[in-house]
Amino acid sequence: LITLLATVLAMILLPETKGRPLPDSLLDTKRYHGTNPKRHADSRQDESNVPLKE
């Protein structure tokens, strides 16, 4: 009974069972949550510090 309950809860709660793969590392968590750092409002300031290729 406990195993059945744990299986049902895991299928409901875990993101991997909802079609979203789990991130390979903690650095990939932003990508999987849909927040792209380049689309962030503060990224304009960060991109201005990057030297352009000539």
Protein backbone atom coordinates (compact mmCIF):
# COMPACT_ATOMS: atom_id res chain seq x y z
CA LEU A 1 0.00 0.00 0.00
CA ILE A 2 2.85 2.40 0.85
CA THR A 3 4.64 1.55 -2.39
CA LEU A 4 1.51 2.24 -4.42
CA LEU A 5 0.99 5.57 -2.67
CA ALA A 6 4.64 6.57 -3.19
CA THR A 7 4.45 5.65 -6.87
CA VAL A 8 1.30 7.69 -7.43
CA LEU A 9 2.73 10.71 -5.60
CA ALA A 10 5.99 10.47 -7.55
CA MET A 11 4.14 10.42 -10.87
CA ILE A 12 2.12 13.47 -9.84
CA LEU A 13 4.88 15.55 -8.27
CA LEU A 14 8.12 14.81 -10.13
CA PRO A 15 8.82 17.09 -13.11
CA GLU A 16 10.43 14.32 -15.16
CA THR A 17 7.10 12.49 -15.35
CA LYS A 18 5.41 15.62 -16.71
CA GLY A 19 7.47 15.65 -19.90
CA ARG A 20 10.17 18.01 -18.60
CA PRO A 21 13.60 16.40 -18.33
CA LEU A 22 15.51 16.95 -15.14
CA PRO A 23 18.57 19.22 -15.53
CA ASP A 24 21.96 17.55 -15.75
CA SER A 25 23.51 20.05 -13.35
CA LEU A 26 22.53 22.98 -11.19
CA LEU A 27 23.79 25.34 -13.89
CA ASP A 28 21.13 24.04 -16.28
CA THR A 29 18.22 24.74 -13.93
CA LYS A 30 17.58 28.24 -15.34
CA ARG A 31 17.27 26.82 -18.85
CA TYR A 32 14.68 24.26 -17.78
CA HIS A 33 12.65 26.79 -15.83
CA GLY A 34 12.25 28.91 -18.94
CA THR A 35 14.33 31.85 -17.78
CA ASN A 36 16.92 32.57 -20.38
CA PRO A 37 19.59 34.91 -18.95
CA LYS A 38 19.93 36.70 -22.31
CA ARG A 39 16.26 37.64 -22.20
CA HIS A 40 16.55 39.03 -18.69
CA ALA A 41 16.14 42.79 -18.29
CA ASP A 42 19.57 43.22 -16.69
CA SER A 43 21.34 41.37 -19.51
CA ARG A 44 21.64 44.57 -21.56
CA GLN A 45 24.16 45.91 -19.07
CA ASP A 46 26.09 42.63 -19.08
CA GLU A 47 26.24 42.49 -22.87
CA SER A 48 27.65 46.02 -23.06
CA ASN A 49 30.78 44.85 -21.23
CA VAL A 50 31.48 42.11 -23.77
CA PRO A 51 34.00 43.20 -26.43
CA LEU A 52 32.70 42.96 -29.99
CA LYS A 53 34.51 41.00 -32.67
CA GLU A 54 36.06 43.24 -35.31
